[in-house]
Amino acid sequence: MQSEELVSIKEVARRLGLSPRTITQYRWGTNKATDPGPGSHNVGFPPEDLNLDGKPVWYWSNIERWARETGRGRLEYAASE
């Protein structure tokens, strides 16, 4: 069985060239500071795959698929590792 890499909000943000705050807004589907209604950032961000010590984590492949499908973030950051 192949091991799949787990990533935190901070790591997702780093790999996509976005801020952790943006990832959190995508996750919850809101940005009350700049958008008029609830769910205005609802971009179908994947639900967490696991919760480790009270913190959400995702399989990178799920995040990468979402980023490609939605055009969110810059995957070249992840590719340059």
PDB file of N, CA and C in Angstrom:
ATOM      1  N   MET A   1       0.839  -1.190   0.000  1.00  0.00           N
ATOM      2  CA  MET A   1       0.000   0.000   0.000  1.00  0.00           C
ATOM      3  C   MET A   1       0.873   1.239   0.000  1.00  0.00           C
ATOM      4  N   GLN A   2       0.571   2.179  -0.879  1.00  0.00           N
ATOM      5  CA  GLN A   2       1.353   3.398  -0.985  1.00  0.00           C
ATOM      6  C   GLN A   2       0.918   4.398   0.084  1.00  0.00           C
ATOM      7  N   SER A   3       1.894   4.998   0.746  1.00  0.00           N
ATOM      8  CA  SER A   3       1.608   6.003   1.757  1.00  0.00           C
ATOM      9  C   SER A   3       1.314   7.333   1.072  1.00  0.00           C
ATOM     10  N   GLU A   4       0.276   8.022   1.534  1.00  0.00           N
ATOM     11  CA  GLU A   4      -0.079   9.298   0.947  1.00  0.00           C
ATOM     12  C   GLU A   4       0.257  10.411   1.927  1.00  0.00           C
ATOM     13  N   GLU A   5       0.747  11.503   1.408  1.00  0.00           N
ATOM     14  CA  GLU A   5       1.204  12.613   2.221  1.00  0.00           C
ATOM     15  C   GLU A   5       0.046  13.425   2.786  1.00  0.00           C
ATOM     16  N   LEU A   6       0.077  13.657   4.100  1.00  0.00           N
ATOM     17  CA  LEU A   6      -0.906  14.488   4.773  1.00  0.00           C
ATOM     18  C   LEU A   6      -0.377  15.909   4.895  1.00  0.00           C
ATOM     19  N   VAL A   7      -1.260  16.899   4.728  1.00  0.00           N
ATOM     20  CA  VAL A   7      -0.852  18.296   4.819  1.00  0.00           C
ATOM     21  C   VAL A   7      -1.828  19.081   5.699  1.00  0.00           C
ATOM     22  N   SER A   8      -1.266  20.042   6.425  1.00  0.00           N
ATOM     23  CA  SER A   8      -2.042  20.929   7.295  1.00  0.00           C
ATOM     24  C   SER A   8      -2.468  22.171   6.512  1.00  0.00           C
ATOM     25  N   ILE A   9      -3.256  23.022   7.143  1.00  0.00           N
ATOM     26  CA  ILE A   9      -3.651  24.283   6.515  1.00  0.00           C
ATOM     27  C   ILE A   9      -2.418  25.091   6.138  1.00  0.00           C
ATOM     28  N   LYS A  10      -1.451  25.165   7.044  1.00  0.00           N
ATOM     29  CA  LYS A  10      -0.227  25.933   6.752  1.00  0.00           C
ATOM     30  C   LYS A  10       0.507  25.379   5.542  1.00  0.00           C
ATOM     31  N   GLU A  11       0.594  24.063   5.446  1.00  0.00           N
ATOM     32  CA  GLU A  11       1.308  23.443   4.336  1.00  0.00           C
ATOM     33  C   GLU A  11       0.531  23.585   3.032  1.00  0.00           C
ATOM     34  N   VAL A  12      -0.788  23.459   3.095  1.00  0.00           N
ATOM     35  CA  VAL A  12      -1.606  23.676   1.904  1.00  0.00           C
ATOM     36  C   VAL A  12      -1.366  25.095   1.390  1.00  0.00           C
ATOM     37  N   ALA A  13      -1.413  26.058   2.288  1.00  0.00           N
ATOM     38  CA  ALA A  13      -1.207  27.459   1.914  1.00  0.00           C
ATOM     39  C   ALA A  13       0.168  27.655   1.284  1.00  0.00           C
ATOM     40  N   ARG A  14       1.186  27.103   1.896  1.00  0.00           N
ATOM     41  CA  ARG A  14       2.549  27.250   1.375  1.00  0.00           C
ATOM     42  C   ARG A  14       2.663  26.665  -0.027  1.00  0.00           C
ATOM     43  N   ARG A  15       2.127  25.483  -0.209  1.00  0.00           N
ATOM     44  CA  ARG A  15       2.250  24.806  -1.508  1.00  0.00           C
ATOM     45  C   ARG A  15       1.457  25.489  -2.618  1.00  0.00           C
ATOM     46  N   LEU A  16       0.385  26.163  -2.244  1.00  0.00           N
ATOM     47  CA  LEU A  16      -0.440  26.836  -3.244  1.00  0.00           C
ATOM     48  C   LEU A  16      -0.111  28.318  -3.387  1.00  0.00           C
ATOM     49  N   GLY A  17       0.837  28.810  -2.595  1.00  0.00           N
ATOM     50  CA  GLY A  17       1.202  30.223  -2.667  1.00  0.00           C
ATOM     51  C   GLY A  17       0.107  31.134  -2.160  1.00  0.00           C
ATOM     52  N   LEU A  18      -0.656  30.665  -1.181  1.00  0.00           N
ATOM     53  CA  LEU A  18      -1.740  31.432  -0.583  1.00  0.00           C
ATOM     54  C   LEU A  18      -1.492  31.577   0.911  1.00  0.00           C
ATOM     55  N   SER A  19      -2.268  32.407   1.559  1.00  0.00           N
ATOM     56  CA  SER A  19      -2.126  32.564   3.007  1.00  0.00           C
ATOM     57  C   SER A  19      -2.951  31.499   3.731  1.00  0.00           C
ATOM     58  N   PRO A  20      -2.548  31.130   4.945  1.00  0.00           N
ATOM     59  CA  PRO A  20      -3.374  30.220   5.736  1.00  0.00           C
ATOM     60  C   PRO A  20      -4.783  30.775   5.951  1.00  0.00           C
ATOM     61  N   ARG A  21      -4.903  32.092   6.068  1.00  0.00           N
ATOM     62  CA  ARG A  21      -6.225  32.697   6.248  1.00  0.00           C
ATOM     63  C   ARG A  21      -7.116  32.431   5.030  1.00  0.00           C
ATOM     64  N   THR A  22      -6.550  32.537   3.835  1.00  0.00           N
ATOM     65  CA  THR A  22      -7.323  32.256   2.621  1.00  0.00           C
ATOM     66  C   THR A  22      -7.792  30.814   2.594  1.00  0.00           C
ATOM     67  N   ILE A  23      -6.916  29.896   2.958  1.00  0.00           N
ATOM     68  CA  ILE A  23      -7.293  28.477   2.992  1.00  0.00           C
ATOM     69  C   ILE A  23      -8.418  28.259   4.000  1.00  0.00           C
ATOM     70  N   THR A  24      -8.320  28.900   5.156  1.00  0.00           N
ATOM     71  CA  THR A  24      -9.368  28.777   6.168  1.00  0.00           C
ATOM     72  C   THR A  24     -10.682  29.330   5.636  1.00  0.00           C
ATOM     73  N   GLN A  25     -10.640  30.455   4.930  1.00  0.00           N
ATOM     74  CA  GLN A  25     -11.851  31.030   4.340  1.00  0.00           C
ATOM     75  C   GLN A  25     -12.436  30.086   3.299  1.00  0.00           C
ATOM     76  N   TYR A  26     -11.589  29.488   2.476  1.00  0.00           N
ATOM     77  CA  TYR A  26     -12.083  28.511   1.499  1.00  0.00           C
ATOM     78  C   TYR A  26     -12.727  27.327   2.218  1.00  0.00           C
ATOM     79  N   ARG A  27     -12.080  26.896   3.283  1.00  0.00           N
ATOM     80  CA  ARG A  27     -12.580  25.740   4.024  1.00  0.00           C
ATOM     81  C   ARG A  27     -13.971  26.011   4.589  1.00  0.00           C
ATOM     82  N   TRP A  28     -14.170  27.177   5.164  1.00  0.00           N
ATOM     83  CA  TRP A  28     -15.451  27.498   5.794  1.00  0.00           C
ATOM     84  C   TRP A  28     -16.429  28.139   4.829  1.00  0.00           C
ATOM     85  N   GLY A  29     -15.943  28.549   3.652  1.00  0.00           N
ATOM     86  CA  GLY A  29     -16.835  29.102   2.652  1.00  0.00           C
ATOM     87  C   GLY A  29     -17.281  30.522   2.918  1.00  0.00           C
ATOM     88  N   THR A  30     -16.477  31.278   3.678  1.00  0.00           N
ATOM     89  CA  THR A  30     -16.866  32.656   3.974  1.00  0.00           C
ATOM     90  C   THR A  30     -15.665  33.592   3.983  1.00  0.00           C
ATOM     91  N   ASN A  31     -15.955  34.849   3.771  1.00  0.00           N
ATOM     92  CA  ASN A  31     -15.001  35.935   3.997  1.00  0.00           C
ATOM     93  C   ASN A  31     -15.845  37.142   4.365  1.00  0.00           C
ATOM     94  N   LYS A  32     -16.257  37.204   5.600  1.00  0.00           N
ATOM     95  CA  LYS A  32     -17.196  38.230   6.053  1.00  0.00           C
ATOM     96  C   LYS A  32     -16.620  39.633   5.954  1.00  0.00           C
ATOM     97  N   ALA A  33     -15.313  39.757   5.953  1.00  0.00           N
ATOM     98  CA  ALA A  33     -14.701  41.083   5.897  1.00  0.00           C
ATOM     99  C   ALA A  33     -14.916  41.744   4.536  1.00  0.00           C
ATOM    100  N   THR A  34     -14.936  40.958   3.452  1.00  0.00           N
ATOM    101  CA  THR A  34     -15.000  41.571   2.127  1.00  0.00           C
ATOM    102  C   THR A  34     -16.188  41.150   1.281  1.00  0.00           C
ATOM    103  N   ASP A  35     -16.886  40.105   1.672  1.00  0.00           N
ATOM    104  CA  ASP A  35     -17.985  39.610   0.851  1.00  0.00           C
ATOM    105  C   ASP A  35     -19.316  39.820   1.571  1.00  0.00           C
ATOM    106  N   PRO A  36     -20.351  40.163   0.843  1.00  0.00           N
ATOM    107  CA  PRO A  36     -21.624  40.515   1.461  1.00  0.00           C
ATOM    108  C   PRO A  36     -22.406  39.364   2.084  1.00  0.00           C
ATOM    109  N   GLY A  37     -22.319  38.184   1.528  1.00  0.00           N
ATOM    110  CA  GLY A  37     -23.181  37.113   2.018  1.00  0.00           C
ATOM    111  C   GLY A  37     -22.418  35.884   2.456  1.00  0.00           C
ATOM    112  N   PRO A  38     -23.064  35.040   3.247  1.00  0.00           N
ATOM    113  CA  PRO A  38     -22.421  33.795   3.673  1.00  0.00           C
ATOM    114  C   PRO A  38     -22.191  32.869   2.487  1.00  0.00           C
ATOM    115  N   GLY A  39     -21.113  32.136   2.544  1.00  0.00           N
ATOM    116  CA  GLY A  39     -20.825  31.164   1.501  1.00  0.00           C
ATOM    117  C   GLY A  39     -20.272  31.751   0.218  1.00  0.00           C
ATOM    118  N   SER A  40     -19.910  33.021   0.232  1.00  0.00           N
ATOM    119  CA  SER A  40     -19.443  33.648  -1.000  1.00  0.00           C
ATOM    120  C   SER A  40     -18.096  33.105  -1.447  1.00  0.00           C
ATOM    121  N   HIS A  41     -17.373  32.480  -0.561  1.00  0.00           N
ATOM    122  CA  HIS A  41     -16.118  31.823  -0.931  1.00  0.00           C
ATOM    123  C   HIS A  41     -16.305  30.309  -0.989  1.00  0.00           C
ATOM    124  N   ASN A  42     -17.532  29.865  -1.140  1.00  0.00           N
ATOM    125  CA  ASN A  42     -17.794  28.438  -1.186  1.00  0.00           C
ATOM    126  C   ASN A  42     -17.304  27.902  -2.529  1.00  0.00           C
ATOM    127  N   VAL A  43     -16.080  27.404  -2.519  1.00  0.00           N
ATOM    128  CA  VAL A  43     -15.440  26.940  -3.750  1.00  0.00           C
ATOM    129  C   VAL A  43     -15.243  25.426  -3.734  1.00  0.00           C
ATOM    130  N   GLY A  44     -16.017  24.755  -2.898  1.00  0.00           N
ATOM    131  CA  GLY A  44     -15.946  23.302  -2.869  1.00  0.00           C
ATOM    132  C   GLY A  44     -14.663  22.748  -2.281  1.00  0.00           C
ATOM    133  N   PHE A  45     -14.070  23.486  -1.331  1.00  0.00           N
ATOM    134  CA  PHE A  45     -12.837  23.004  -0.715  1.00  0.00           C
ATOM    135  C   PHE A  45     -13.096  21.643  -0.082  1.00  0.00           C
ATOM    136  N   PRO A  46     -12.181  20.702  -0.271  1.00  0.00           N
ATOM    137  CA  PRO A  46     -12.411  19.344   0.234  1.00  0.00           C
ATOM    138  C   PRO A  46     -12.550  19.303   1.753  1.00  0.00           C
ATOM    139  N   PRO A  47     -13.422  18.461   2.248  1.00  0.00           N
ATOM    140  CA  PRO A  47     -13.504  18.282   3.699  1.00  0.00           C
ATOM    141  C   PRO A  47     -12.217  17.632   4.193  1.00  0.00           C
ATOM    142  N   GLU A  48     -11.913  17.882   5.443  1.00  0.00           N
ATOM    143  CA  GLU A  48     -10.694  17.285   6.001  1.00  0.00           C
ATOM    144  C   GLU A  48     -10.762  15.773   5.890  1.00  0.00           C
ATOM    145  N   ASP A  49      -9.591  15.165   5.670  1.00  0.00           N
ATOM    146  CA  ASP A  49      -9.520  13.708   5.589  1.00  0.00           C
ATOM    147  C   ASP A  49      -9.345  13.089   6.968  1.00  0.00           C
ATOM    148  N   LEU A  50      -8.627  13.787   7.819  1.00  0.00           N
ATOM    149  CA  LEU A  50      -8.377  13.329   9.188  1.00  0.00           C
ATOM    150  C   LEU A  50      -8.319  14.531  10.102  1.00  0.00           C
ATOM    151  N   ASN A  51      -8.409  14.258  11.393  1.00  0.00           N
ATOM    152  CA  ASN A  51      -8.237  15.292  12.394  1.00  0.00           C
ATOM    153  C   ASN A  51      -7.190  14.772  13.362  1.00  0.00           C
ATOM    154  N   LEU A  52      -6.040  15.427  13.388  1.00  0.00           N
ATOM    155  CA  LEU A  52      -4.941  14.998  14.251  1.00  0.00           C
ATOM    156  C   LEU A  52      -4.753  16.016  15.359  1.00  0.00           C
ATOM    157  N   ASP A  53      -4.932  15.575  16.572  1.00  0.00           N
ATOM    158  CA  ASP A  53      -4.787  16.457  17.741  1.00  0.00           C
ATOM    159  C   ASP A  53      -5.626  17.717  17.608  1.00  0.00           C
ATOM    160  N   GLY A  54      -6.844  17.584  17.089  1.00  0.00           N
ATOM    161  CA  GLY A  54      -7.746  18.707  16.968  1.00  0.00           C
ATOM    162  C   GLY A  54      -7.493  19.606  15.771  1.00  0.00           C
ATOM    163  N   LYS A  55      -6.578  19.210  14.888  1.00  0.00           N
ATOM    164  CA  LYS A  55      -6.268  20.019  13.709  1.00  0.00           C
ATOM    165  C   LYS A  55      -6.608  19.242  12.442  1.00  0.00           C
ATOM    166  N   PRO A  56      -7.247  19.922  11.481  1.00  0.00           N
ATOM    167  CA  PRO A  56      -7.614  19.241  10.243  1.00  0.00           C
ATOM    168  C   PRO A  56      -6.398  18.997   9.353  1.00  0.00           C
ATOM    169  N   VAL A  57      -6.394  17.861   8.707  1.00  0.00           N
ATOM    170  CA  VAL A  57      -5.358  17.545   7.717  1.00  0.00           C
ATOM    171  C   VAL A  57      -6.017  16.886   6.515  1.00  0.00           C
ATOM    172  N   TRP A  58      -5.356  17.023   5.390  1.00  0.00           N
ATOM    173  CA  TRP A  58      -5.855  16.503   4.120  1.00  0.00           C
ATOM    174  C   TRP A  58      -4.781  15.680   3.443  1.00  0.00           C
ATOM    175  N   TYR A  59      -5.204  14.764   2.599  1.00  0.00           N
ATOM    176  CA  TYR A  59      -4.268  14.109   1.696  1.00  0.00           C
ATOM    177  C   TYR A  59      -3.948  15.113   0.598  1.00  0.00           C
ATOM    178  N   TRP A  60      -2.672  15.284   0.328  1.00  0.00           N
ATOM    179  CA  TRP A  60      -2.262  16.271  -0.668  1.00  0.00           C
ATOM    180  C   TRP A  60      -2.925  16.015  -2.012  1.00  0.00           C
ATOM    181  N   SER A  61      -3.098  14.782  -2.395  1.00  0.00           N
ATOM    182  CA  SER A  61      -3.708  14.482  -3.697  1.00  0.00           C
ATOM    183  C   SER A  61      -5.114  15.071  -3.810  1.00  0.00           C
ATOM    184  N   ASN A  62      -5.878  15.092  -2.707  1.00  0.00           N
ATOM    185  CA  ASN A  62      -7.218  15.681  -2.734  1.00  0.00           C
ATOM    186  C   ASN A  62      -7.160  17.198  -2.912  1.00  0.00           C
ATOM    187  N   ILE A  63      -6.204  17.829  -2.246  1.00  0.00           N
ATOM    188  CA  ILE A  63      -6.035  19.279  -2.366  1.00  0.00           C
ATOM    189  C   ILE A  63      -5.549  19.631  -3.771  1.00  0.00           C
ATOM    190  N   GLU A  64      -4.595  18.882  -4.259  1.00  0.00           N
ATOM    191  CA  GLU A  64      -4.045  19.139  -5.596  1.00  0.00           C
ATOM    192  C   GLU A  64      -5.144  19.005  -6.662  1.00  0.00           C
ATOM    193  N   ARG A  65      -5.971  17.979  -6.558  1.00  0.00           N
ATOM    194  CA  ARG A  65      -7.079  17.781  -7.500  1.00  0.00           C
ATOM    195  C   ARG A  65      -8.032  18.974  -7.439  1.00  0.00           C
ATOM    196  N   TRP A  66      -8.397  19.392  -6.212  1.00  0.00           N
ATOM    197  CA  TRP A  66      -9.284  20.546  -6.046  1.00  0.00           C
ATOM    198  C   TRP A  66      -8.675  21.801  -6.676  1.00  0.00           C
ATOM    199  N   ALA A  67      -7.381  22.038  -6.432  1.00  0.00           N
ATOM    200  CA  ALA A  67      -6.712  23.234  -6.964  1.00  0.00           C
ATOM    201  C   ALA A  67      -6.718  23.218  -8.495  1.00  0.00           C
ATOM    202  N   ARG A  68      -6.468  22.070  -9.079  1.00  0.00           N
ATOM    203  CA  ARG A  68      -6.489  21.965 -10.551  1.00  0.00           C
ATOM    204  C   ARG A  68      -7.902  22.190 -11.101  1.00  0.00           C
ATOM    205  N   GLU A  69      -8.894  21.606 -10.461  1.00  0.00           N
ATOM    206  CA  GLU A  69     -10.277  21.715 -10.941  1.00  0.00           C
ATOM    207  C   GLU A  69     -10.837  23.123 -10.808  1.00  0.00           C
ATOM    208  N   THR A  70     -10.419  23.848  -9.775  1.00  0.00           N
ATOM    209  CA  THR A  70     -10.985  25.175  -9.512  1.00  0.00           C
ATOM    210  C   THR A  70     -10.084  26.324  -9.953  1.00  0.00           C
ATOM    211  N   GLY A  71      -8.827  26.007 -10.255  1.00  0.00           N
ATOM    212  CA  GLY A  71      -7.883  27.065 -10.621  1.00  0.00           C
ATOM    213  C   GLY A  71      -7.441  27.901  -9.432  1.00  0.00           C
ATOM    214  N   ARG A  72      -7.658  27.408  -8.230  1.00  0.00           N
ATOM    215  CA  ARG A  72      -7.268  28.142  -7.021  1.00  0.00           C
ATOM    216  C   ARG A  72      -5.811  27.850  -6.692  1.00  0.00           C
ATOM    217  N   GLY A  73      -5.107  28.868  -6.277  1.00  0.00           N
ATOM    218  CA  GLY A  73      -3.713  28.697  -5.898  1.00  0.00           C
ATOM    219  C   GLY A  73      -2.798  28.570  -7.093  1.00  0.00           C
ATOM    220  N   ARG A  74      -1.545  28.398  -6.803  1.00  0.00           N
ATOM    221  CA  ARG A  74      -0.525  28.280  -7.851  1.00  0.00           C
ATOM    222  C   ARG A  74       0.266  26.992  -7.600  1.00  0.00           C
ATOM    223  N   LEU A  75      -0.069  25.969  -8.346  1.00  0.00           N
ATOM    224  CA  LEU A  75       0.556  24.660  -8.133  1.00  0.00           C
ATOM    225  C   LEU A  75       2.038  24.647  -8.465  1.00  0.00           C
ATOM    226  N   GLU A  76       2.536  25.672  -9.152  1.00  0.00           N
ATOM    227  CA  GLU A  76       3.967  25.696  -9.436  1.00  0.00           C
ATOM    228  C   GLU A  76       4.777  25.797  -8.139  1.00  0.00           C
ATOM    229  N   TYR A  77       4.182  26.336  -7.084  1.00  0.00           N
ATOM    230  CA  TYR A  77       4.868  26.375  -5.777  1.00  0.00           C
ATOM    231  C   TYR A  77       5.108  24.950  -5.294  1.00  0.00           C
ATOM    232  N   ALA A  78       4.103  24.108  -5.404  1.00  0.00           N
ATOM    233  CA  ALA A  78       4.237  22.717  -4.972  1.00  0.00           C
ATOM    234  C   ALA A  78       5.219  21.963  -5.848  1.00  0.00           C
ATOM    235  N   ALA A  79       5.214  22.247  -7.135  1.00  0.00           N
ATOM    236  CA  ALA A  79       6.100  21.531  -8.075  1.00  0.00           C
ATOM    237  C   ALA A  79       7.555  21.907  -7.888  1.00  0.00           C
ATOM    238  N   SER A  80       7.831  23.058  -7.323  1.00  0.00           N
ATOM    239  CA  SER A  80       9.220  23.519  -7.198  1.00  0.00           C
ATOM    240  C   SER A  80       9.924  22.964  -5.968  1.00  0.00           C
ATOM    241  N   GLU A  81       9.269  22.097  -5.223  1.00  0.00           N
ATOM    242  CA  GLU A  81       9.893  21.547  -4.012  1.00  0.00           C
ATOM    243  C   GLU A  81      11.030  20.615  -4.350  1.00  0.00           C
TER     244      GLU A  81
END
